[in-house]
Amino acid sequence: MPSTREDQIITFENSFFPLEVIKRALYRFAHRASFDLRQESSSIHVIVNPHEGQELTVLKDDIRNEVLDQDLRAIVADETSAVRNLILANAFSKTGLIDN
């Protein structure tokens, strides 16, 4: 049975997933589909246009998992940014690139 336009839509709530996270996740699937985004006040709708040979249901499940993964990566990056910056500052301070 052919999919309808409604079947192609994945909706994410703005309060859970920022647009940047969704875009990062979708980029990982550019080889499997193209996407249209519609943003409303409380949600982001992703219209999935699968490339030939791609199963829509599997693709949508993979996208949902990737959005969650990208969101968690963003959270970890934010939580560890102070330590990461300290490590980088220490590493660069020993290179001679920064005058003491």
PDB file of N, CA and C in Angstrom:
ATOM      1  N   MET A   1       0.846  -1.182   0.000  1.00  0.00           N
ATOM      2  CA  MET A   1       0.000   0.000   0.000  1.00  0.00           C
ATOM      3  C   MET A   1       0.892   1.246   0.000  1.00  0.00           C
ATOM      4  N   PRO A   2       0.682   2.172  -0.914  1.00  0.00           N
ATOM      5  CA  PRO A   2       1.510   3.379  -0.978  1.00  0.00           C
ATOM      6  C   PRO A   2       1.312   4.255   0.257  1.00  0.00           C
ATOM      7  N   SER A   3       2.377   4.939   0.629  1.00  0.00           N
ATOM      8  CA  SER A   3       2.287   5.811   1.803  1.00  0.00           C
ATOM      9  C   SER A   3       1.586   7.115   1.436  1.00  0.00           C
ATOM     10  N   THR A   4       0.944   7.686   2.413  1.00  0.00           N
ATOM     11  CA  THR A   4       0.288   8.985   2.235  1.00  0.00           C
ATOM     12  C   THR A   4       1.215  10.059   2.788  1.00  0.00           C
ATOM     13  N   ARG A   5       0.908  11.288   2.484  1.00  0.00           N
ATOM     14  CA  ARG A   5       1.719  12.402   2.992  1.00  0.00           C
ATOM     15  C   ARG A   5       1.758  12.370   4.527  1.00  0.00           C
ATOM     16  N   GLU A   6       0.651  12.021   5.140  1.00  0.00           N
ATOM     17  CA  GLU A   6       0.580  11.950   6.607  1.00  0.00           C
ATOM     18  C   GLU A   6       1.528  10.882   7.158  1.00  0.00           C
ATOM     19  N   ASP A   7       1.677   9.763   6.432  1.00  0.00           N
ATOM     20  CA  ASP A   7       2.586   8.692   6.857  1.00  0.00           C
ATOM     21  C   ASP A   7       4.038   9.149   6.845  1.00  0.00           C
ATOM     22  N   GLN A   8       4.343  10.141   6.039  1.00  0.00           N
ATOM     23  CA  GLN A   8       5.722  10.588   5.873  1.00  0.00           C
ATOM     24  C   GLN A   8       6.171  11.576   6.942  1.00  0.00           C
ATOM     25  N   ILE A   9       5.282  11.964   7.836  1.00  0.00           N
ATOM     26  CA  ILE A   9       5.590  13.025   8.796  1.00  0.00           C
ATOM     27  C   ILE A   9       6.013  12.454  10.148  1.00  0.00           C
ATOM     28  N   ILE A  10       7.106  13.000  10.662  1.00  0.00           N
ATOM     29  CA  ILE A  10       7.538  12.748  12.041  1.00  0.00           C
ATOM     30  C   ILE A  10       7.441  14.091  12.757  1.00  0.00           C
ATOM     31  N   THR A  11       6.821  14.104  13.920  1.00  0.00           N
ATOM     32  CA  THR A  11       6.675  15.342  14.682  1.00  0.00           C
ATOM     33  C   THR A  11       7.514  15.269  15.954  1.00  0.00           C
ATOM     34  N   PHE A  12       8.288  16.339  16.168  1.00  0.00           N
ATOM     35  CA  PHE A  12       9.097  16.469  17.379  1.00  0.00           C
ATOM     36  C   PHE A  12       8.648  17.722  18.120  1.00  0.00           C
ATOM     37  N   GLU A  13       8.548  17.628  19.430  1.00  0.00           N
ATOM     38  CA  GLU A  13       8.169  18.780  20.241  1.00  0.00           C
ATOM     39  C   GLU A  13       9.391  19.674  20.460  1.00  0.00           C
ATOM     40  N   ASN A  14       9.212  20.975  20.272  1.00  0.00           N
ATOM     41  CA  ASN A  14      10.298  21.942  20.489  1.00  0.00           C
ATOM     42  C   ASN A  14      10.850  21.879  21.906  1.00  0.00           C
ATOM     43  N   SER A  15      10.002  21.577  22.860  1.00  0.00           N
ATOM     44  CA  SER A  15      10.443  21.569  24.254  1.00  0.00           C
ATOM     45  C   SER A  15      11.391  20.402  24.553  1.00  0.00           C
ATOM     46  N   PHE A  16      11.400  19.377  23.697  1.00  0.00           N
ATOM     47  CA  PHE A  16      12.283  18.226  23.890  1.00  0.00           C
ATOM     48  C   PHE A  16      13.502  18.260  22.985  1.00  0.00           C
ATOM     49  N   PHE A  17      13.304  18.639  21.729  1.00  0.00           N
ATOM     50  CA  PHE A  17      14.378  18.553  20.741  1.00  0.00           C
ATOM     51  C   PHE A  17      14.526  19.868  19.988  1.00  0.00           C
ATOM     52  N   PRO A  18      15.666  20.544  20.139  1.00  0.00           N
ATOM     53  CA  PRO A  18      15.901  21.783  19.393  1.00  0.00           C
ATOM     54  C   PRO A  18      16.054  21.494  17.895  1.00  0.00           C
ATOM     55  N   LEU A  19      15.760  22.486  17.084  1.00  0.00           N
ATOM     56  CA  LEU A  19      15.855  22.356  15.636  1.00  0.00           C
ATOM     57  C   LEU A  19      17.260  21.934  15.211  1.00  0.00           C
ATOM     58  N   GLU A  20      18.291  22.482  15.833  1.00  0.00           N
ATOM     59  CA  GLU A  20      19.672  22.140  15.481  1.00  0.00           C
ATOM     60  C   GLU A  20      19.933  20.643  15.630  1.00  0.00           C
ATOM     61  N   VAL A  21      19.421  20.042  16.684  1.00  0.00           N
ATOM     62  CA  VAL A  21      19.599  18.608  16.927  1.00  0.00           C
ATOM     63  C   VAL A  21      18.912  17.801  15.833  1.00  0.00           C
ATOM     64  N   ILE A  22      17.719  18.216  15.468  1.00  0.00           N
ATOM     65  CA  ILE A  22      16.973  17.510  14.415  1.00  0.00           C
ATOM     66  C   ILE A  22      17.713  17.621  13.084  1.00  0.00           C
ATOM     67  N   LYS A  23      18.224  18.795  12.767  1.00  0.00           N
ATOM     68  CA  LYS A  23      18.974  18.970  11.522  1.00  0.00           C
ATOM     69  C   LYS A  23      20.225  18.101  11.493  1.00  0.00           C
ATOM     70  N   ARG A  24      20.928  18.018  12.607  1.00  0.00           N
ATOM     71  CA  ARG A  24      22.124  17.165  12.664  1.00  0.00           C
ATOM     72  C   ARG A  24      21.758  15.708  12.390  1.00  0.00           C
ATOM     73  N   ALA A  25      20.673  15.262  12.985  1.00  0.00           N
ATOM     74  CA  ALA A  25      20.232  13.881  12.792  1.00  0.00           C
ATOM     75  C   ALA A  25      19.820  13.636  11.338  1.00  0.00           C
ATOM     76  N   LEU A  26      19.072  14.554  10.764  1.00  0.00           N
ATOM     77  CA  LEU A  26      18.614  14.375   9.386  1.00  0.00           C
ATOM     78  C   LEU A  26      19.769  14.344   8.405  1.00  0.00           C
ATOM     79  N   TYR A  27      20.798  15.123   8.672  1.00  0.00           N
ATOM     80  CA  TYR A  27      21.956  15.142   7.792  1.00  0.00           C
ATOM     81  C   TYR A  27      22.570  13.747   7.652  1.00  0.00           C
ATOM     82  N   ARG A  28      22.527  12.980   8.721  1.00  0.00           N
ATOM     83  CA  ARG A  28      23.081  11.622   8.695  1.00  0.00           C
ATOM     84  C   ARG A  28      22.299  10.690   7.783  1.00  0.00           C
ATOM     85  N   PHE A  29      21.090  11.104   7.382  1.00  0.00           N
ATOM     86  CA  PHE A  29      20.249  10.267   6.523  1.00  0.00           C
ATOM     87  C   PHE A  29      20.067  10.845   5.128  1.00  0.00           C
ATOM     88  N   ALA A  30      20.881  11.819   4.773  1.00  0.00           N
ATOM     89  CA  ALA A  30      20.762  12.474   3.467  1.00  0.00           C
ATOM     90  C   ALA A  30      20.960  11.493   2.314  1.00  0.00           C
ATOM     91  N   HIS A  31      21.682  10.422   2.551  1.00  0.00           N
ATOM     92  CA  HIS A  31      21.901   9.418   1.506  1.00  0.00           C
ATOM     93  C   HIS A  31      20.702   8.471   1.352  1.00  0.00           C
ATOM     94  N   ARG A  32      19.760   8.522   2.308  1.00  0.00           N
ATOM     95  CA  ARG A  32      18.605   7.622   2.282  1.00  0.00           C
ATOM     96  C   ARG A  32      17.290   8.328   1.995  1.00  0.00           C
ATOM     97  N   ALA A  33      17.270   9.663   2.160  1.00  0.00           N
ATOM     98  CA  ALA A  33      16.017  10.396   1.972  1.00  0.00           C
ATOM     99  C   ALA A  33      16.306  11.884   1.853  1.00  0.00           C
ATOM    100  N   SER A  34      15.292  12.606   1.415  1.00  0.00           N
ATOM    101  CA  SER A  34      15.336  14.063   1.494  1.00  0.00           C
ATOM    102  C   SER A  34      14.247  14.481   2.477  1.00  0.00           C
ATOM    103  N   PHE A  35      14.343  15.713   2.960  1.00  0.00           N
ATOM    104  CA  PHE A  35      13.462  16.131   4.047  1.00  0.00           C
ATOM    105  C   PHE A  35      12.926  17.535   3.826  1.00  0.00           C
ATOM    106  N   ASP A  36      11.715  17.747   4.264  1.00  0.00           N
ATOM    107  CA  ASP A  36      11.120  19.075   4.342  1.00  0.00           C
ATOM    108  C   ASP A  36      10.806  19.315   5.808  1.00  0.00           C
ATOM    109  N   LEU A  37      11.082  20.518   6.287  1.00  0.00           N
ATOM    110  CA  LEU A  37      10.823  20.866   7.688  1.00  0.00           C
ATOM    111  C   LEU A  37       9.755  21.937   7.756  1.00  0.00           C
ATOM    112  N   ARG A  38       8.850  21.772   8.708  1.00  0.00           N
ATOM    113  CA  ARG A  38       7.856  22.796   9.015  1.00  0.00           C
ATOM    114  C   ARG A  38       7.901  23.029  10.516  1.00  0.00           C
ATOM    115  N   GLN A  39       8.111  24.271  10.891  1.00  0.00           N
ATOM    116  CA  GLN A  39       8.171  24.595  12.314  1.00  0.00           C
ATOM    117  C   GLN A  39       6.915  25.342  12.711  1.00  0.00           C
ATOM    118  N   GLU A  40       6.309  24.885  13.791  1.00  0.00           N
ATOM    119  CA  GLU A  40       5.163  25.559  14.389  1.00  0.00           C
ATOM    120  C   GLU A  40       5.583  26.046  15.767  1.00  0.00           C
ATOM    121  N   SER A  41       4.684  26.653  16.463  1.00  0.00           N
ATOM    122  CA  SER A  41       5.047  27.239  17.759  1.00  0.00           C
ATOM    123  C   SER A  41       5.550  26.203  18.763  1.00  0.00           C
ATOM    124  N   SER A  42       4.986  25.009  18.760  1.00  0.00           N
ATOM    125  CA  SER A  42       5.392  24.026  19.766  1.00  0.00           C
ATOM    126  C   SER A  42       5.976  22.748  19.178  1.00  0.00           C
ATOM    127  N   SER A  43       6.073  22.669  17.854  1.00  0.00           N
ATOM    128  CA  SER A  43       6.579  21.431  17.265  1.00  0.00           C
ATOM    129  C   SER A  43       7.281  21.664  15.930  1.00  0.00           C
ATOM    130  N   ILE A  44       8.052  20.658  15.560  1.00  0.00           N
ATOM    131  CA  ILE A  44       8.747  20.644  14.272  1.00  0.00           C
ATOM    132  C   ILE A  44       8.280  19.396  13.544  1.00  0.00           C
ATOM    133  N   HIS A  45       7.801  19.585  12.335  1.00  0.00           N
ATOM    134  CA  HIS A  45       7.338  18.470  11.519  1.00  0.00           C
ATOM    135  C   HIS A  45       8.385  18.187  10.445  1.00  0.00           C
ATOM    136  N   VAL A  46       8.808  16.934  10.383  1.00  0.00           N
ATOM    137  CA  VAL A  46       9.757  16.499   9.375  1.00  0.00           C
ATOM    138  C   VAL A  46       9.001  15.640   8.376  1.00  0.00           C
ATOM    139  N   ILE A  47       9.013  16.048   7.127  1.00  0.00           N
ATOM    140  CA  ILE A  47       8.401  15.252   6.065  1.00  0.00           C
ATOM    141  C   ILE A  47       9.524  14.460   5.422  1.00  0.00           C
ATOM    142  N   VAL A  48       9.413  13.147   5.504  1.00  0.00           N
ATOM    143  CA  VAL A  48      10.452  12.242   5.026  1.00  0.00           C
ATOM    144  C   VAL A  48      10.100  11.798   3.604  1.00  0.00           C
ATOM    145  N   ASN A  49      11.007  12.048   2.684  1.00  0.00           N
ATOM    146  CA  ASN A  49      10.840  11.635   1.290  1.00  0.00           C
ATOM    147  C   ASN A  49      11.916  10.595   0.979  1.00  0.00           C
ATOM    148  N   PRO A  50      11.600   9.309   1.196  1.00  0.00           N
ATOM    149  CA  PRO A  50      12.619   8.266   1.044  1.00  0.00           C
ATOM    150  C   PRO A  50      13.112   8.151  -0.398  1.00  0.00           C
ATOM    151  N   HIS A  51      14.407   7.858  -0.533  1.00  0.00           N
ATOM    152  CA  HIS A  51      14.957   7.548  -1.846  1.00  0.00           C
ATOM    153  C   HIS A  51      14.461   6.159  -2.246  1.00  0.00           C
ATOM    154  N   GLU A  52      14.551   5.875  -3.513  1.00  0.00           N
ATOM    155  CA  GLU A  52      14.098   4.584  -4.034  1.00  0.00           C
ATOM    156  C   GLU A  52      14.761   3.436  -3.282  1.00  0.00           C
ATOM    157  N   GLY A  53      13.944   2.465  -2.889  1.00  0.00           N
ATOM    158  CA  GLY A  53      14.450   1.286  -2.190  1.00  0.00           C
ATOM    159  C   GLY A  53      14.507   1.416  -0.680  1.00  0.00           C
ATOM    160  N   GLN A  54      14.168   2.582  -0.146  1.00  0.00           N
ATOM    161  CA  GLN A  54      14.190   2.790   1.305  1.00  0.00           C
ATOM    162  C   GLN A  54      12.806   2.557   1.893  1.00  0.00           C
ATOM    163  N   GLU A  55      12.747   1.774   2.941  1.00  0.00           N
ATOM    164  CA  GLU A  55      11.492   1.465   3.637  1.00  0.00           C
ATOM    165  C   GLU A  55      11.159   2.615   4.585  1.00  0.00           C
ATOM    166  N   LEU A  56      10.016   3.244   4.382  1.00  0.00           N
ATOM    167  CA  LEU A  56       9.632   4.433   5.147  1.00  0.00           C
ATOM    168  C   LEU A  56       9.565   4.165   6.646  1.00  0.00           C
ATOM    169  N   THR A  57       8.942   3.078   7.052  1.00  0.00           N
ATOM    170  CA  THR A  57       8.781   2.786   8.487  1.00  0.00           C
ATOM    171  C   THR A  57      10.134   2.600   9.170  1.00  0.00           C
ATOM    172  N   VAL A  58      11.022   1.854   8.544  1.00  0.00           N
ATOM    173  CA  VAL A  58      12.359   1.626   9.107  1.00  0.00           C
ATOM    174  C   VAL A  58      13.123   2.941   9.157  1.00  0.00           C
ATOM    175  N   LEU A  59      13.036   3.709   8.092  1.00  0.00           N
ATOM    176  CA  LEU A  59      13.722   4.992   8.015  1.00  0.00           C
ATOM    177  C   LEU A  59      13.248   5.933   9.121  1.00  0.00           C
ATOM    178  N   LYS A  60      11.948   6.014   9.335  1.00  0.00           N
ATOM    179  CA  LYS A  60      11.413   6.883  10.391  1.00  0.00           C
ATOM    180  C   LYS A  60      11.895   6.439  11.768  1.00  0.00           C
ATOM    181  N   ASP A  61      11.923   5.141  12.009  1.00  0.00           N
ATOM    182  CA  ASP A  61      12.426   4.633  13.295  1.00  0.00           C
ATOM    183  C   ASP A  61      13.902   4.981  13.477  1.00  0.00           C
ATOM    184  N   ASP A  62      14.683   4.826  12.418  1.00  0.00           N
ATOM    185  CA  ASP A  62      16.107   5.162  12.483  1.00  0.00           C
ATOM    186  C   ASP A  62      16.308   6.651  12.750  1.00  0.00           C
ATOM    187  N   ILE A  63      15.492   7.483  12.136  1.00  0.00           N
ATOM    188  CA  ILE A  63      15.589   8.933  12.341  1.00  0.00           C
ATOM    189  C   ILE A  63      15.253   9.290  13.787  1.00  0.00           C
ATOM    190  N   ARG A  64      14.203   8.721  14.316  1.00  0.00           N
ATOM    191  CA  ARG A  64      13.840   8.992  15.718  1.00  0.00           C
ATOM    192  C   ARG A  64      14.984   8.622  16.663  1.00  0.00           C
ATOM    193  N   ASN A  65      15.596   7.471  16.425  1.00  0.00           N
ATOM    194  CA  ASN A  65      16.724   7.042  17.261  1.00  0.00           C
ATOM    195  C   ASN A  65      17.909   7.990  17.119  1.00  0.00           C
ATOM    196  N   GLU A  66      18.166   8.445  15.903  1.00  0.00           N
ATOM    197  CA  GLU A  66      19.291   9.348  15.676  1.00  0.00           C
ATOM    198  C   GLU A  66      19.049  10.715  16.313  1.00  0.00           C
ATOM    199  N   VAL A  67      17.811  11.196  16.284  1.00  0.00           N
ATOM    200  CA  VAL A  67      17.495  12.474  16.940  1.00  0.00           C
ATOM    201  C   VAL A  67      17.761  12.354  18.432  1.00  0.00           C
ATOM    202  N   LEU A  68      17.341  11.269  19.031  1.00  0.00           N
ATOM    203  CA  LEU A  68      17.617  11.052  20.455  1.00  0.00           C
ATOM    204  C   LEU A  68      19.120  10.998  20.704  1.00  0.00           C
ATOM    205  N   ASP A  69      19.855  10.279  19.859  1.00  0.00           N
ATOM    206  CA  ASP A  69      21.307  10.185  20.005  1.00  0.00           C
ATOM    207  C   ASP A  69      21.964  11.562  19.898  1.00  0.00           C
ATOM    208  N   GLN A  70      21.575  12.345  18.906  1.00  0.00           N
ATOM    209  CA  GLN A  70      22.155  13.675  18.732  1.00  0.00           C
ATOM    210  C   GLN A  70      21.812  14.595  19.899  1.00  0.00           C
ATOM    211  N   ASP A  71      20.615  14.449  20.436  1.00  0.00           N
ATOM    212  CA  ASP A  71      20.215  15.253  21.587  1.00  0.00           C
ATOM    213  C   ASP A  71      21.079  14.908  22.802  1.00  0.00           C
ATOM    214  N   LEU A  72      21.293  13.635  23.031  1.00  0.00           N
ATOM    215  CA  LEU A  72      22.126  13.215  24.162  1.00  0.00           C
ATOM    216  C   LEU A  72      23.578  13.660  23.965  1.00  0.00           C
ATOM    217  N   ARG A  73      24.072  13.615  22.735  1.00  0.00           N
ATOM    218  CA  ARG A  73      25.421  14.102  22.453  1.00  0.00           C
ATOM    219  C   ARG A  73      25.538  15.592  22.783  1.00  0.00           C
ATOM    220  N   ALA A  74      24.512  16.365  22.438  1.00  0.00           N
ATOM    221  CA  ALA A  74      24.523  17.798  22.734  1.00  0.00           C
ATOM    222  C   ALA A  74      24.513  18.049  24.236  1.00  0.00           C
ATOM    223  N   ILE A  75      23.752  17.252  24.963  1.00  0.00           N
ATOM    224  CA  ILE A  75      23.697  17.392  26.419  1.00  0.00           C
ATOM    225  C   ILE A  75      25.061  17.081  27.034  1.00  0.00           C
ATOM    226  N   VAL A  76      25.677  15.983  26.607  1.00  0.00           N
ATOM    227  CA  VAL A  76      26.995  15.599  27.129  1.00  0.00           C
ATOM    228  C   VAL A  76      28.032  16.665  26.779  1.00  0.00           C
ATOM    229  N   ALA A  77      27.991  17.168  25.536  1.00  0.00           N
ATOM    230  CA  ALA A  77      28.949  18.211  25.133  1.00  0.00           C
ATOM    231  C   ALA A  77      28.788  19.453  25.999  1.00  0.00           C
ATOM    232  N   ASP A  78      27.558  19.819  26.295  1.00  0.00           N
ATOM    233  CA  ASP A  78      27.304  20.989  27.132  1.00  0.00           C
ATOM    234  C   ASP A  78      27.788  20.754  28.563  1.00  0.00           C
ATOM    235  N   GLU A  79      27.508  19.569  29.094  1.00  0.00           N
ATOM    236  CA  GLU A  79      27.893  19.261  30.469  1.00  0.00           C
ATOM    237  C   GLU A  79      29.399  19.128  30.653  1.00  0.00           C
ATOM    238  N   THR A  80      30.114  18.786  29.603  1.00  0.00           N
ATOM    239  CA  THR A  80      31.553  18.561  29.724  1.00  0.00           C
ATOM    240  C   THR A  80      32.381  19.680  29.089  1.00  0.00           C
ATOM    241  N   SER A  81      31.740  20.749  28.659  1.00  0.00           N
ATOM    242  CA  SER A  81      32.465  21.811  27.953  1.00  0.00           C
ATOM    243  C   SER A  81      33.541  22.467  28.829  1.00  0.00           C
ATOM    244  N   ALA A  82      33.279  22.664  30.110  1.00  0.00           N
ATOM    245  CA  ALA A  82      34.266  23.302  30.988  1.00  0.00           C
ATOM    246  C   ALA A  82      35.527  22.442  31.095  1.00  0.00           C
ATOM    247  N   VAL A  83      35.361  21.153  31.275  1.00  0.00           N
ATOM    248  CA  VAL A  83      36.512  20.248  31.386  1.00  0.00           C
ATOM    249  C   VAL A  83      37.251  20.182  30.055  1.00  0.00           C
ATOM    250  N   ARG A  84      36.506  20.073  28.954  1.00  0.00           N
ATOM    251  CA  ARG A  84      37.120  20.018  27.630  1.00  0.00           C
ATOM    252  C   ARG A  84      37.936  21.283  27.358  1.00  0.00           C
ATOM    253  N   ASN A  85      37.381  22.439  27.685  1.00  0.00           N
ATOM    254  CA  ASN A  85      38.089  23.701  27.477  1.00  0.00           C
ATOM    255  C   ASN A  85      39.343  23.792  28.340  1.00  0.00           C
ATOM    256  N   LEU A  86      39.267  23.292  29.556  1.00  0.00           N
ATOM    257  CA  LEU A  86      40.430  23.281  30.437  1.00  0.00           C
ATOM    258  C   LEU A  86      41.541  22.395  29.868  1.00  0.00           C
ATOM    259  N   ILE A  87      41.170  21.230  29.387  1.00  0.00           N
ATOM    260  CA  ILE A  87      42.149  20.315  28.792  1.00  0.00           C
ATOM    261  C   ILE A  87      42.784  20.947  27.553  1.00  0.00           C
ATOM    262  N   LEU A  88      41.966  21.556  26.693  1.00  0.00           N
ATOM    263  CA  LEU A  88      42.500  22.200  25.493  1.00  0.00           C
ATOM    264  C   LEU A  88      43.408  23.379  25.851  1.00  0.00           C
ATOM    265  N   ALA A  89      42.993  24.184  26.821  1.00  0.00           N
ATOM    266  CA  ALA A  89      43.817  25.325  27.231  1.00  0.00           C
ATOM    267  C   ALA A  89      45.162  24.853  27.767  1.00  0.00           C
ATOM    268  N   ASN A  90      45.140  23.793  28.555  1.00  0.00           N
ATOM    269  CA  ASN A  90      46.380  23.237  29.087  1.00  0.00           C
ATOM    270  C   ASN A  90      47.259  22.704  27.957  1.00  0.00           C
ATOM    271  N   ALA A  91      46.675  21.994  27.029  1.00  0.00           N
ATOM    272  CA  ALA A  91      47.440  21.436  25.909  1.00  0.00           C
ATOM    273  C   ALA A  91      48.061  22.540  25.063  1.00  0.00           C
ATOM    274  N   PHE A  92      47.312  23.570  24.749  1.00  0.00           N
ATOM    275  CA  PHE A  92      47.831  24.646  23.914  1.00  0.00           C
ATOM    276  C   PHE A  92      48.822  25.538  24.666  1.00  0.00           C
ATOM    277  N   SER A  93      48.722  25.594  25.982  1.00  0.00           N
ATOM    278  CA  SER A  93      49.652  26.420  26.742  1.00  0.00           C
ATOM    279  C   SER A  93      51.066  25.869  26.687  1.00  0.00           C
ATOM    280  N   LYS A  94      51.210  24.595  26.378  1.00  0.00           N
ATOM    281  CA  LYS A  94      52.517  23.957  26.330  1.00  0.00           C
ATOM    282  C   LYS A  94      53.102  23.912  24.909  1.00  0.00           C
ATOM    283  N   THR A  95      52.410  24.484  23.957  1.00  0.00           N
ATOM    284  CA  THR A  95      52.879  24.401  22.569  1.00  0.00           C
ATOM    285  C   THR A  95      53.722  25.591  22.147  1.00  0.00           C
ATOM    286  N   GLY A  96      53.700  26.652  22.925  1.00  0.00           N
ATOM    287  CA  GLY A  96      54.390  27.860  22.540  1.00  0.00           C
ATOM    288  C   GLY A  96      53.525  28.777  21.661  1.00  0.00           C
ATOM    289  N   LEU A  97      52.316  28.350  21.367  1.00  0.00           N
ATOM    290  CA  LEU A  97      51.415  29.177  20.575  1.00  0.00           C
ATOM    291  C   LEU A  97      50.898  30.353  21.378  1.00  0.00           C
ATOM    292  N   ILE A  98      50.853  30.192  22.680  1.00  0.00           N
ATOM    293  CA  ILE A  98      50.385  31.256  23.554  1.00  0.00           C
ATOM    294  C   ILE A  98      51.552  31.736  24.403  1.00  0.00           C
ATOM    295  N   ASP A  99      51.831  33.038  24.347  1.00  0.00           N
ATOM    296  CA  ASP A  99      52.920  33.593  25.158  1.00  0.00           C
ATOM    297  C   ASP A  99      52.465  33.715  26.600  1.00  0.00           C
ATOM    298  N   ASN A 100      53.318  33.298  27.496  1.00  0.00           N
ATOM    299  CA  ASN A 100      52.994  33.412  28.934  1.00  0.00           C
ATOM    300  C   ASN A 100      53.547  34.694  29.507  1.00  0.00           C
TER     301      ASN A 100
END
